[in-house]
Amino acid sequence: MSKGIIEGPARIINTLEDAEHLREGEIMVASLTDIGWTPYFSIIAGLITEIGSPLSHGAVVAREYGIPVIVGAKGAKKFIADGNLVRLDGNRGIIEKL
């Protein structure tokens, strides 16, 4: 987790090509991230990944950018639909649909 609370629209990203559709202020929801995803961290407001740990790529890079993140949120892409307004609470590790 990376601390912080953010609210915004979710963008479901299944492939790196999908990431081109990200808009500033969105919360990226992905299965996982790797080094190829790094340029998108400069525009997202938060990150949710279904796979990961505190030392995974997404968690480490999000901390560097100061972006709230929750990793290891199994089933997040089923729980959250593209465009849903969500609150990501990286302090407590909670995701809420608004």
C-alpha atoms as a PDB file:
ATOM      1  CA  MET A   1       0.000   0.000   0.000  1.00  0.00           C
ATOM      2  CA  SER A   2       0.958   3.608  -0.457  1.00  0.00           C
ATOM      3  CA  LYS A   3      -0.671   6.022   1.905  1.00  0.00           C
ATOM      4  CA  GLY A   4      -3.274   8.523   0.887  1.00  0.00           C
ATOM      5  CA  ILE A   5      -6.930   8.730  -0.029  1.00  0.00           C
ATOM      6  CA  ILE A   6      -8.167   9.573  -3.491  1.00  0.00           C
ATOM      7  CA  GLU A   7     -11.546   9.608  -5.221  1.00  0.00           C
ATOM      8  CA  GLY A   8     -11.944   9.434  -8.953  1.00  0.00           C
ATOM      9  CA  PRO A   9     -13.185   7.482 -11.939  1.00  0.00           C
ATOM     10  CA  ALA A  10     -11.763   3.999 -12.418  1.00  0.00           C
ATOM     11  CA  ARG A  11     -10.165   2.946 -15.675  1.00  0.00           C
ATOM     12  CA  ILE A  12      -9.899  -0.805 -16.194  1.00  0.00           C
ATOM     13  CA  ILE A  13      -6.652  -1.628 -17.972  1.00  0.00           C
ATOM     14  CA  ASN A  14      -6.151  -5.144 -19.324  1.00  0.00           C
ATOM     15  CA  THR A  15      -3.147  -4.563 -21.580  1.00  0.00           C
ATOM     16  CA  LEU A  16      -0.410  -1.995 -21.946  1.00  0.00           C
ATOM     17  CA  GLU A  17      -2.168  -0.795 -25.103  1.00  0.00           C
ATOM     18  CA  ASP A  18      -5.286  -0.063 -23.006  1.00  0.00           C
ATOM     19  CA  ALA A  19      -3.189   2.275 -20.867  1.00  0.00           C
ATOM     20  CA  GLU A  20      -3.134   4.754 -23.758  1.00  0.00           C
ATOM     21  CA  HIS A  21      -6.782   5.519 -22.866  1.00  0.00           C
ATOM     22  CA  LEU A  22      -5.917   6.694 -19.341  1.00  0.00           C
ATOM     23  CA  ARG A  23      -6.813  10.289 -18.538  1.00  0.00           C
ATOM     24  CA  GLU A  24      -5.318  12.507 -15.891  1.00  0.00           C
ATOM     25  CA  GLY A  25      -6.893  11.953 -12.477  1.00  0.00           C
ATOM     26  CA  GLU A  26      -8.196   8.449 -13.134  1.00  0.00           C
ATOM     27  CA  ILE A  27      -7.565   5.475 -10.879  1.00  0.00           C
ATOM     28  CA  MET A  28      -5.919   2.715 -12.871  1.00  0.00           C
ATOM     29  CA  VAL A  29      -7.204  -0.791 -12.128  1.00  0.00           C
ATOM     30  CA  ALA A  30      -5.004  -3.543 -13.550  1.00  0.00           C
ATOM     31  CA  SER A  31      -4.020  -7.129 -12.910  1.00  0.00           C
ATOM     32  CA  LEU A  32      -0.400  -6.025 -12.432  1.00  0.00           C
ATOM     33  CA  THR A  33       2.150  -3.550 -13.737  1.00  0.00           C
ATOM     34  CA  ASP A  34       5.754  -3.756 -14.885  1.00  0.00           C
ATOM     35  CA  ILE A  35       8.386  -1.296 -16.068  1.00  0.00           C
ATOM     36  CA  GLY A  36       6.522  -0.606 -19.340  1.00  0.00           C
ATOM     37  CA  TRP A  37       3.645   0.945 -17.400  1.00  0.00           C
ATOM     38  CA  THR A  38       5.820   3.516 -15.610  1.00  0.00           C
ATOM     39  CA  PRO A  39       5.068   6.503 -17.931  1.00  0.00           C
ATOM     40  CA  TYR A  40       1.378   6.325 -16.965  1.00  0.00           C
ATOM     41  CA  PHE A  41       2.089   6.847 -13.270  1.00  0.00           C
ATOM     42  CA  SER A  42       2.616  10.547 -14.002  1.00  0.00           C
ATOM     43  CA  ILE A  43      -1.071  11.033 -14.919  1.00  0.00           C
ATOM     44  CA  ILE A  44      -3.010   8.624 -12.709  1.00  0.00           C
ATOM     45  CA  ALA A  45      -4.426   9.642  -9.333  1.00  0.00           C
ATOM     46  CA  GLY A  46      -4.277   6.153  -7.840  1.00  0.00           C
ATOM     47  CA  LEU A  47      -3.556   2.517  -8.604  1.00  0.00           C
ATOM     48  CA  ILE A  48      -5.288  -0.746  -7.780  1.00  0.00           C
ATOM     49  CA  THR A  49      -3.720  -4.050  -8.821  1.00  0.00           C
ATOM     50  CA  GLU A  50      -5.104  -7.539  -8.393  1.00  0.00           C
ATOM     51  CA  ILE A  51      -1.653  -9.085  -8.022  1.00  0.00           C
ATOM     52  CA  GLY A  52       1.223  -7.700  -6.023  1.00  0.00           C
ATOM     53  CA  SER A  53       2.874  -7.066  -2.722  1.00  0.00           C
ATOM     54  CA  PRO A  54       4.462  -4.055  -1.021  1.00  0.00           C
ATOM     55  CA  LEU A  55       7.619  -4.743  -3.049  1.00  0.00           C
ATOM     56  CA  SER A  56       5.909  -5.240  -6.432  1.00  0.00           C
ATOM     57  CA  HIS A  57       6.530  -2.824  -9.303  1.00  0.00           C
ATOM     58  CA  GLY A  58       3.226  -0.986  -8.929  1.00  0.00           C
ATOM     59  CA  ALA A  59       3.631  -0.449  -5.187  1.00  0.00           C
ATOM     60  CA  VAL A  60       7.221   0.749  -5.409  1.00  0.00           C
ATOM     61  CA  VAL A  61       6.644   3.173  -8.293  1.00  0.00           C
ATOM     62  CA  ALA A  62       3.397   4.497  -6.789  1.00  0.00           C
ATOM     63  CA  ARG A  63       5.259   5.309  -3.565  1.00  0.00           C
ATOM     64  CA  GLU A  64       7.924   7.143  -5.593  1.00  0.00           C
ATOM     65  CA  TYR A  65       5.208   9.221  -7.281  1.00  0.00           C
ATOM     66  CA  GLY A  66       3.241   9.714  -4.049  1.00  0.00           C
ATOM     67  CA  ILE A  67       0.197   7.973  -5.531  1.00  0.00           C
ATOM     68  CA  PRO A  68      -2.199   6.041  -3.272  1.00  0.00           C
ATOM     69  CA  VAL A  69      -2.113   2.355  -4.173  1.00  0.00           C
ATOM     70  CA  ILE A  70      -3.630  -0.936  -3.119  1.00  0.00           C
ATOM     71  CA  VAL A  71      -1.977  -4.086  -4.454  1.00  0.00           C
ATOM     72  CA  GLY A  72      -3.157  -7.666  -4.175  1.00  0.00           C
ATOM     73  CA  ALA A  73      -6.843  -6.688  -4.475  1.00  0.00           C
ATOM     74  CA  LYS A  74      -8.029  -9.994  -5.945  1.00  0.00           C
ATOM     75  CA  GLY A  75     -11.165  -9.609  -8.065  1.00  0.00           C
ATOM     76  CA  ALA A  76     -10.882  -5.819  -8.292  1.00  0.00           C
ATOM     77  CA  LYS A  77     -11.590  -5.834 -12.048  1.00  0.00           C
ATOM     78  CA  LYS A  78     -14.821  -7.741 -11.385  1.00  0.00           C
ATOM     79  CA  PHE A  79     -15.875  -5.515  -8.470  1.00  0.00           C
ATOM     80  CA  ILE A  80     -15.106  -2.225 -10.247  1.00  0.00           C
ATOM     81  CA  ALA A  81     -16.444  -1.338 -13.694  1.00  0.00           C
ATOM     82  CA  ASP A  82     -14.797   1.083 -16.090  1.00  0.00           C
ATOM     83  CA  GLY A  83     -15.911   4.597 -15.163  1.00  0.00           C
ATOM     84  CA  ASN A  84     -17.127   3.760 -11.640  1.00  0.00           C
ATOM     85  CA  LEU A  85     -16.391   6.499  -9.158  1.00  0.00           C
ATOM     86  CA  VAL A  86     -14.262   4.942  -6.432  1.00  0.00           C
ATOM     87  CA  ARG A  87     -12.524   5.935  -3.224  1.00  0.00           C
ATOM     88  CA  LEU A  88      -9.120   4.350  -2.754  1.00  0.00           C
ATOM     89  CA  ASP A  89      -7.927   4.510   0.841  1.00  0.00           C
ATOM     90  CA  GLY A  90      -4.279   3.497   0.823  1.00  0.00           C
ATOM     91  CA  ASN A  91      -4.032   4.232   4.539  1.00  0.00           C
ATOM     92  CA  ARG A  92      -6.419   1.421   5.444  1.00  0.00           C
ATOM     93  CA  GLY A  93      -6.308  -0.703   2.274  1.00  0.00           C
ATOM     94  CA  ILE A  94      -9.976  -0.117   1.453  1.00  0.00           C
ATOM     95  CA  ILE A  95     -11.651   0.342  -1.939  1.00  0.00           C
ATOM     96  CA  GLU A  96     -15.201   1.730  -2.048  1.00  0.00           C
ATOM     97  CA  LYS A  97     -17.527   2.295  -4.993  1.00  0.00           C
ATOM     98  CA  LEU A  98     -19.260   5.669  -4.640  1.00  0.00           C
END
